[in-house]
Protein backbone atom coordinates (compact mmCIF):
# COMPACT_ATOMS: atom_id res chain seq x y z
CA MET A 1 98.62 11.12 3.59
CA LYS A 2 96.17 13.45 5.26
CA SER A 3 95.00 13.23 8.85
CA LEU A 4 92.35 15.55 10.23
CA LEU A 5 90.94 15.79 13.76
CA THR A 6 88.19 18.28 14.48
CA SER A 7 86.69 18.94 17.91
CA LEU A 8 83.40 20.65 17.31
CA ILE A 9 81.96 23.01 19.89
CA SER A 10 79.79 25.19 17.67
CA LEU A 11 78.54 25.56 14.10
CA PHE A 12 81.46 24.58 11.89
CA ALA A 13 82.06 24.04 8.18
CA VAL A 14 85.35 23.42 6.38
CA CYS A 15 86.56 21.96 3.11
CA VAL A 16 90.14 20.67 3.09
CA TYR A 17 92.10 19.47 0.06
CA ALA A 18 95.45 17.65 0.00
CA GLY A 19 96.84 16.30 -3.26
CA ASP A 20 94.01 14.74 -5.25
CA ASN A 21 91.97 13.72 -2.17
CA THR A 22 89.00 15.76 -0.93
CA THR A 23 87.54 16.22 2.54
CA GLU A 24 84.38 18.20 3.35
CA ILE A 25 83.03 18.71 6.88
CA ARG A 26 79.82 20.55 7.77
CA THR A 27 78.28 20.21 11.19
CA LYS A 28 75.96 21.88 13.67
CA GLY A 29 76.03 20.95 17.36
CA THR A 30 78.55 20.48 20.15
CA SER A 31 81.36 18.22 21.36
CA SER A 32 81.76 15.92 18.37
CA SER A 33 85.07 14.43 17.19
CA ILE A 34 85.88 13.75 13.55
CA TYR A 35 88.95 11.81 12.38
CA ILE A 36 89.80 11.47 8.68
CA ASP A 37 92.84 9.73 7.14
CA GLN A 38 93.33 9.53 3.38
CA VAL A 39 96.15 7.70 1.57
CA GLY A 40 96.16 7.46 -2.22
CA THR A 41 94.46 9.56 -4.89
CA GLY A 42 90.95 10.56 -5.86
CA ASN A 43 89.39 9.68 -2.50
CA THR A 44 86.44 11.73 -1.21
CA ALA A 45 85.24 12.00 2.39
CA ARG A 46 82.18 14.03 3.33
CA VAL A 47 80.70 14.63 6.78
CA TRP A 48 77.31 16.31 7.13
CA CYS A 49 76.30 16.09 10.77
CA GLY A 50 73.29 18.17 11.81
CA LEU A 51 72.21 19.14 8.29
CA SER A 52 69.39 18.31 5.91
CA GLU A 53 70.29 18.20 2.22
CA GLY A 54 73.42 20.17 3.06
CA THR A 55 71.69 23.06 4.86
CA TYR A 56 71.64 23.97 8.56
CA THR A 57 67.91 24.02 9.15
CA THR A 58 66.67 21.05 11.14
CA HIS A 59 68.63 19.59 14.05
CA ASN A 60 71.87 19.28 16.02
CA CYS A 61 74.63 16.69 15.95
CA ASN A 62 76.05 16.31 19.48
CA THR A 63 78.84 14.16 20.95
CA ALA A 64 79.24 12.13 17.77
CA THR A 65 82.45 10.26 16.96
CA ILE A 66 83.14 9.94 13.23
CA ASP A 67 86.18 8.03 11.93
CA ILE A 68 86.91 7.72 8.20
CA ASP A 69 90.00 5.89 6.86
CA GLN A 70 90.63 5.61 3.12
CA ASN A 71 93.58 3.84 1.46
CA GLY A 72 93.48 3.47 -2.30
CA VAL A 73 92.10 5.20 -5.37
CA GLY A 74 88.68 6.69 -6.01
CA ASN A 75 86.92 5.70 -2.79
CA THR A 76 83.90 7.64 -1.49
CA ALA A 77 82.87 7.86 2.17
CA ARG A 78 79.88 9.79 3.50
CA ALA A 79 78.85 10.17 7.15
CA TYR A 80 75.54 11.99 7.50
CA SER A 81 72.73 12.83 9.89
CA GLN A 82 69.87 14.60 8.13
CA VAL A 83 66.56 13.98 9.90
CA ALA A 84 66.58 14.32 13.71
CA ALA A 85 68.70 15.69 16.55
CA HIS A 86 70.99 13.05 18.02
CA SER A 87 73.80 12.45 20.50
CA GLY A 88 76.37 9.78 21.20
CA ASN A 89 76.40 8.09 17.80
CA GLU A 90 79.61 6.45 16.52
CA TYR A 91 80.40 6.18 12.82
CA LYS A 92 83.29 4.27 11.24
CA ILE A 93 84.06 3.88 7.53
CA GLU A 94 87.26 2.02 6.60
CA GLN A 95 88.14 1.53 2.93
CA ASN A 96 91.15 -0.33 1.54
CA GLY A 97 91.11 -0.71 -2.24
CA ASN A 98 89.70 1.17 -5.17
CA GLY A 99 86.30 2.49 -6.18
CA ASN A 100 84.46 1.64 -2.97
CA PHE A 101 81.39 3.53 -1.72
CA GLY A 102 80.57 3.67 2.00
CA TYR A 103 77.57 5.60 3.33
CA ILE A 104 76.21 5.99 6.87
CA ASP A 105 73.17 8.18 7.62
CA ALA A 106 72.21 8.00 11.31
CA ASP A 107 69.68 9.80 13.50
CA ASP A 108 68.51 9.51 17.13
CA ASP A 109 70.87 8.43 19.90
CA SER A 110 73.63 6.07 21.04
CA SER A 111 74.04 3.82 18.02
CA ASP A 112 77.25 2.31 16.60
CA MET A 113 77.62 1.94 12.81
CA ASP A 114 80.62 0.40 10.99
CA VAL A 115 81.43 -0.08 7.31
CA VAL A 116 84.65 -2.01 6.50
CA GLN A 117 85.61 -2.57 2.85
CA ASN A 118 88.70 -4.48 1.67
CA GLY A 119 88.71 -4.81 -2.11
CA ASP A 120 87.40 -2.96 -5.13
CA ASP A 121 84.01 -1.63 -6.30
CA ASN A 122 82.06 -2.49 -3.17
CA ASP A 123 78.94 -0.60 -2.04
CA ALA A 124 77.78 -0.40 1.60
CA THR A 125 74.91 1.69 2.95
CA ILE A 126 73.62 2.04 6.51
CA TYR A 127 70.55 4.29 6.67
CA MET A 128 68.96 4.29 10.09
CA GLN A 129 66.94 6.10 12.73
CA GLY A 130 66.54 4.77 16.25
CA ASP A 131 68.27 4.39 19.61
CA ASP A 132 70.86 1.94 20.97
CA ASN A 133 71.53 -0.02 17.78
CA VAL A 134 74.68 -1.74 16.47
CA TYR A 135 74.96 -2.10 12.69
CA LYS A 136 77.97 -3.38 10.72
CA ILE A 137 78.77 -4.21 7.10
CA THR A 138 82.08 -5.94 6.26
CA GLN A 139 83.04 -6.61 2.64
CA THR A 140 86.14 -8.53 1.53
CA GLY A 141 86.74 -8.96 -2.20
CA ASP A 142 85.16 -7.14 -5.12
CA ASP A 143 81.66 -6.22 -6.32
CA LYS A 144 79.69 -6.65 -3.10
CA GLU A 145 76.60 -4.67 -2.09
CA GLY A 146 75.26 -4.49 1.45
CA ILE A 147 72.36 -2.40 2.76
CA ILE A 148 70.99 -1.92 6.26
CA ARG A 149 67.90 0.27 6.31
CA ALA A 150 66.40 0.24 9.80
CA PHE A 151 64.16 2.44 11.94
CA GLY A 152 63.71 0.56 15.23
CA ASP A 153 65.56 0.49 18.56
CA ASP A 154 67.83 -1.93 20.43
CA SER A 155 68.75 -4.05 17.41
CA GLU A 156 71.98 -5.60 16.13
CA PHE A 157 72.39 -6.26 12.41
CA THR A 158 75.53 -7.57 10.67
CA ILE A 159 76.29 -8.25 7.01
CA THR A 160 79.55 -10.07 6.16
CA GLN A 161 80.44 -10.67 2.51
CA SER A 162 83.52 -12.39 1.06
CA GLY A 163 84.65 -14.58 -1.82
CA SER A 164 84.77 -13.95 -5.55
CA GLY A 165 81.01 -13.89 -6.17
CA GLU A 166 78.91 -10.75 -6.65
CA HIS A 167 76.91 -10.78 -3.42
CA TYR A 168 73.88 -8.65 -2.49
CA ALA A 169 72.44 -8.46 1.04
CA LYS A 170 69.79 -6.20 2.57
CA ILE A 171 68.29 -5.96 6.06
CA TYR A 172 65.20 -3.79 6.49
CA ALA A 173 63.38 -3.00 9.75
CA THR A 174 60.34 -0.76 10.25
CA THR A 175 59.69 1.57 13.18
CA SER A 176 57.62 -1.25 14.71
CA ALA A 177 60.57 -3.66 14.72
CA ASP A 178 62.67 -3.38 17.91
CA ASN A 179 65.11 -5.66 19.68
CA ASN A 180 65.98 -7.74 16.63
CA ASP A 181 69.27 -9.55 15.94
CA ALA A 182 70.25 -10.67 12.44
CA ASP A 183 73.49 -11.87 10.85
CA ILE A 184 73.91 -12.42 7.11
CA THR A 185 77.07 -14.18 5.90
CA GLN A 186 77.75 -14.63 2.18
CA THR A 187 80.82 -16.49 0.87
CA GLY A 188 81.96 -18.33 -2.22
CA SER A 189 82.14 -17.77 -5.95
CA GLY A 190 78.40 -17.89 -6.64
CA ASP A 191 76.35 -14.71 -7.04
CA HIS A 192 74.21 -14.68 -3.88
CA SER A 193 71.25 -12.46 -2.95
CA MET A 194 69.46 -12.21 0.40
CA THR A 195 66.87 -9.80 1.82
CA LEU A 196 65.52 -9.94 5.39
CA ASN A 197 62.53 -7.71 6.25
CA PHE A 198 61.52 -7.15 9.90
CA TYR A 199 58.08 -5.81 10.82
CA THR A 200 57.80 -6.93 14.47
CA ASP A 201 60.09 -7.39 17.49
CA ASP A 202 62.43 -9.91 19.13
CA TYR A 203 63.71 -12.01 16.25
CA ASN A 204 67.11 -13.73 16.22
CA VAL A 205 68.09 -14.73 12.69
CA ASP A 206 71.33 -16.38 11.53
CA ALA A 207 71.51 -16.60 7.72
CA THR A 208 74.26 -17.93 5.43
CA GLN A 209 74.80 -18.40 1.72
CA SER A 210 77.87 -20.15 0.32
CA GLY A 211 79.16 -22.12 -2.63
CA SER A 212 79.73 -21.73 -6.35
CA THR A 213 76.13 -21.69 -7.58
CA ALA A 214 73.82 -18.68 -7.33
CA LYS A 215 71.49 -18.45 -4.31
CA SER A 216 68.55 -16.12 -3.65
CA ILE A 217 66.08 -15.69 -0.80
CA THR A 218 63.74 -13.04 0.63
CA ALA A 219 62.29 -13.56 4.12
CA ASN A 220 59.62 -11.47 5.89
CA TYR A 221 59.34 -11.48 9.70
CA ASN A 222 55.95 -10.23 10.89
CA CYS A 223 54.61 -12.82 13.35
CA VAL A 224 52.81 -11.44 16.43
CA SER A 225 51.58 -14.56 18.29
CA ASN A 226 52.64 -18.20 18.75
CA CYS A 227 55.89 -17.43 16.98
CA ASN A 228 59.24 -19.15 16.63
CA LYS A 229 61.53 -16.15 16.53
CA THR A 230 64.89 -17.95 16.55
CA ILE A 231 65.55 -18.84 12.92
CA THR A 232 68.45 -20.28 10.94
CA ILE A 233 68.75 -19.99 7.15
CA SER A 234 71.44 -21.95 5.31
CA GLN A 235 71.83 -22.11 1.53
CA THR A 236 74.81 -24.14 0.29
CA ASP A 237 75.76 -26.26 -2.74
């Protein structure tokens, strides 16, 4: 087991190895806290906060809280900020199982991003820029893929995947899409796929896929006048 807490008050870079697990931390900025726990073998945790492509050239990472917990074999966790200066962001990656990949890349201020993986061979990516957002991906079981790629403000997006099926879910929001709320829930043994694309503001979308047969849907939200912006999607057997 390895536990690492770093309080960052200036430019700081360290690589720490314990057993067959690997931790790398590189950061530029002030007053951030990084917590890393690794149990098992072959796990990799990397924190790049205030870098671009691994170099200290662009921006600062201030008052971030980054928490990575890995329990299993061959898991990969990456917590990055690579585009813009930011403060007050919270990152959490929790992995229990084998061969999981969790990635958070966050810029701008005061957002909360969580990736929780319980199972094997799951893939979760949160790639975002914006202020005051809450994004979460939770995967239970094996062979799930979840993506949140968002560039607006004041939004809350959640992807929850479980069951024995190979599920894929993606939420995308442009810089013109603020104050949106979307929840995707995928369950069951069928192989389900869902993509929600947001191009304008103020949507509230609740979407579910369940059952033993495959389901697929892509929805685009771009209405600007006379719109119904509270939407429910349900695909079941």
